[in-house]
Protein backbone atom coordinates (compact mmCIF):
# COMPACT_ATOMS: atom_id res chain seq x y z
CA UNK A 1 15.83 13.51 4.05
CA UNK A 2 17.45 10.17 4.77
CA UNK A 3 18.36 7.81 1.95
CA UNK A 4 16.82 4.36 1.90
CA UNK A 5 19.91 2.76 3.44
CA UNK A 6 19.62 5.05 6.47
CA UNK A 7 15.97 4.23 7.17
CA UNK A 8 15.20 2.20 10.31
CA UNK A 9 15.40 -1.57 9.82
CA UNK A 10 11.64 -2.14 10.18
CA UNK A 11 10.94 0.44 7.48
CA UNK A 12 13.49 -1.11 5.11
CA UNK A 13 11.83 -4.52 5.68
CA UNK A 14 8.39 -3.15 4.81
CA UNK A 15 9.63 -1.31 1.72
CA UNK A 16 11.68 -4.25 0.44
CA UNK A 17 9.17 -7.03 1.08
CA UNK A 18 7.33 -8.66 -1.81
CA UNK A 19 4.81 -10.25 0.57
CA UNK A 20 1.74 -8.98 2.39
CA UNK A 21 2.36 -5.48 3.72
CA UNK A 22 -0.67 -5.79 6.01
CA UNK A 23 0.78 -8.88 7.71
CA UNK A 24 4.09 -7.07 8.21
CA UNK A 25 2.38 -4.00 9.66
CA UNK A 26 0.25 -6.14 11.99
CA UNK A 27 3.38 -7.97 13.17
CA UNK A 28 5.23 -4.69 13.69
CA UNK A 29 2.39 -3.08 15.64
CA UNK A 30 1.07 -6.18 17.40
CA UNK A 31 -2.58 -5.44 16.52
CA UNK A 32 -4.98 -6.40 13.73
CA UNK A 33 -5.63 -3.70 11.14
CA UNK A 34 -8.93 -2.82 9.49
CA UNK A 35 -9.63 -1.22 6.13
CA UNK A 36 -11.59 2.03 5.98
CA UNK A 37 -12.57 2.81 2.39
CA UNK A 38 -12.60 6.54 1.70
CA UNK A 39 -13.56 6.66 -1.99
CA UNK A 40 -14.15 4.42 -4.96
CA UNK A 41 -14.43 5.67 -8.52
CA UNK A 42 -14.00 4.54 -12.12
CA UNK A 43 -10.90 6.06 -13.73
CA UNK A 44 -8.79 5.35 -16.80
CA UNK A 45 -5.44 3.57 -16.94
CA UNK A 46 -3.59 6.83 -17.59
CA UNK A 47 -3.84 7.34 -13.78
CA UNK A 48 -1.38 4.47 -13.28
CA UNK A 49 2.27 5.25 -12.74
CA UNK A 50 4.55 4.92 -15.77
CA UNK A 51 6.19 1.71 -14.43
CA UNK A 52 2.76 0.12 -13.88
CA UNK A 53 1.53 1.12 -17.34
CA UNK A 54 4.65 -0.39 -18.92
CA UNK A 55 4.41 -3.58 -16.89
CA UNK A 56 0.69 -4.12 -17.58
CA UNK A 57 0.77 -2.94 -21.22
CA UNK A 58 -2.69 -1.37 -20.88
CA UNK A 59 -4.20 1.15 -23.26
CA UNK A 60 -4.45 4.55 -21.53
CA UNK A 61 -8.26 4.54 -21.84
CA UNK A 62 -8.80 1.15 -20.13
CA UNK A 63 -11.35 1.49 -17.32
CA UNK A 64 -10.15 0.81 -13.79
CA UNK A 65 -11.61 1.08 -10.32
CA UNK A 66 -9.67 3.39 -8.01
CA UNK A 67 -10.16 2.58 -4.32
CA UNK A 68 -8.66 4.95 -1.73
CA UNK A 69 -8.49 3.54 1.77
CA UNK A 70 -6.65 3.57 5.07
CA UNK A 71 -5.46 0.78 7.30
CA UNK A 72 -6.31 1.62 10.90
CA UNK A 73 -5.61 0.16 14.32
CA UNK A 74 -8.50 -0.95 16.56
CA UNK A 75 -8.18 2.48 18.24
CA UNK A 76 -8.69 4.22 14.88
CA UNK A 77 -5.08 5.36 14.34
CA UNK A 78 -4.13 5.64 10.66
CA UNK A 79 -1.26 3.32 9.81
CA UNK A 80 -1.27 3.65 6.02
CA UNK A 81 -2.98 5.55 3.25
CA UNK A 82 -3.57 3.37 0.19
CA UNK A 83 -4.77 3.49 -3.37
CA UNK A 84 -5.64 0.29 -5.21
CA UNK A 85 -6.37 0.29 -8.95
CA UNK A 86 -7.78 -2.78 -10.69
CA UNK A 87 -9.74 -3.56 -13.88
CA UNK A 88 -13.32 -2.33 -13.79
CA UNK A 89 -14.61 -5.69 -15.06
CA UNK A 90 -12.91 -7.86 -12.41
CA UNK A 91 -12.77 -8.38 -8.65
CA UNK A 92 -16.41 -7.40 -8.06
CA UNK A 93 -16.04 -8.86 -4.55
CA UNK A 94 -13.56 -6.10 -3.65
CA UNK A 95 -16.15 -3.35 -4.06
CA UNK A 96 -18.08 -4.50 -0.98
CA UNK A 97 -15.32 -6.28 0.94
CA UNK A 98 -13.77 -4.38 3.83
CA UNK A 99 -11.10 -6.98 4.57
CA UNK A 100 -7.52 -5.87 3.83
CA UNK A 101 -6.68 -6.96 0.26
CA UNK A 102 -3.74 -9.18 1.21
CA UNK A 103 -5.82 -11.00 3.83
CA UNK A 104 -8.67 -11.51 1.37
CA UNK A 105 -6.44 -12.89 -1.39
CA UNK A 106 -4.79 -15.21 1.09
CA UNK A 107 -8.17 -16.28 2.51
CA UNK A 108 -9.43 -17.04 -1.00
CA UNK A 109 -6.36 -19.22 -1.62
CA UNK A 110 -5.35 -17.00 -4.53
CA UNK A 111 -1.86 -17.75 -5.84
CA UNK A 112 -0.16 -14.39 -6.30
CA UNK A 113 3.09 -12.62 -7.03
CA UNK A 114 4.01 -9.07 -6.03
CA UNK A 115 6.18 -7.01 -8.35
CA UNK A 116 7.78 -4.04 -6.60
CA UNK A 117 7.67 -0.93 -8.78
CA UNK A 118 9.12 1.64 -6.42
CA UNK A 119 9.62 2.80 -2.85
CA UNK A 120 11.16 5.69 -0.99
CA UNK A 121 10.05 8.85 0.78
CA UNK A 122 6.99 11.02 0.18
CA UNK A 123 4.73 13.47 2.02
CA UNK A 124 2.37 11.87 4.55
CA UNK A 125 0.27 14.88 5.46
CA UNK A 126 -0.12 17.92 3.23
CA UNK A 127 -0.84 20.17 6.22
CA UNK A 128 2.27 19.30 8.25
CA UNK A 129 4.42 18.16 5.29
CA UNK A 130 5.54 15.20 7.40
CA UNK A 131 7.85 12.84 5.51
CA UNK A 132 6.80 9.20 5.21
CA UNK A 133 7.86 5.98 3.52
CA UNK A 134 5.95 4.82 0.45
CA UNK A 135 5.75 1.67 -1.63
CA UNK A 136 4.23 0.87 -5.03
CA UNK A 137 3.70 -2.61 -6.44
CA UNK A 138 1.58 -4.87 -8.62
CA UNK A 139 -0.15 -7.98 -7.32
CA UNK A 140 -0.52 -10.49 -10.14
CA UNK A 141 -2.85 -13.40 -9.43
CA UNK A 142 -2.76 -16.85 -11.04
CA UNK A 143 -6.36 -16.38 -12.23
CA UNK A 144 -5.32 -13.33 -14.30
CA UNK A 145 -6.55 -10.66 -11.89
CA UNK A 146 -4.13 -7.90 -10.96
CA UNK A 147 -4.06 -4.99 -8.54
CA UNK A 148 -1.86 -1.89 -8.57
CA UNK A 149 -1.17 -0.80 -4.98
CA UNK A 150 0.33 2.49 -3.73
CA UNK A 151 0.88 2.80 0.01
CA UNK A 152 2.09 5.67 2.19
CA UNK A 153 2.95 4.79 5.78
CA UNK A 154 2.26 6.94 8.82
CA UNK A 155 5.72 7.93 10.16
CA UNK A 156 4.40 7.53 13.72
CA UNK A 157 4.15 3.78 13.02
CA UNK A 158 6.68 3.24 10.21
CA UNK A 159 9.48 5.67 11.07
CA UNK A 160 11.78 7.36 8.58
CA UNK A 161 14.33 8.30 11.25
CA UNK A 162 15.86 6.30 14.10
CA UNK A 163 14.54 7.23 17.54
CA UNK A 164 16.17 6.69 20.90
CA UNK A 165 14.29 5.32 23.90
CA UNK A 166 13.52 8.90 24.97
CA UNK A 167 12.07 9.69 21.54
CA UNK A 168 14.86 11.98 20.30
CA UNK A 169 15.83 11.62 16.67
CA UNK A 170 19.29 10.19 16.15
């Protein structure tokens, strides 16, 4: 598997950015993306990654909402697979909102900061074992709300290897 420094430039930009991933993906692909929510459930904070737990200083039994979703193109192609965790007692609007999170926060005028927790390579599809890029971060909002975001990117749209014009891997 390639190291981060050998990833294509567009993938390094997405993984290293502390801004809206959705805006970057839309710019890269040249199309608007839509959220398709797959599941939503109440979980406890012990489902957060160790870096997120440390950063947020939450008790392991704190209740969170876990929202699994995908960003898709207008043609229905999966661009990313996402999991957002946030406090059960906040962001009620997110439970019914199907706008990508970054767009919604921006549209609400919410001042925010993104703290990158990790990025690298993971498995995109358990059936094919395709390798993909992933990113994990916290969004901290000025009003005290926060969101833990984990994203895996479809390698057909966010490549992990360089490709020539003919499609051969370099």
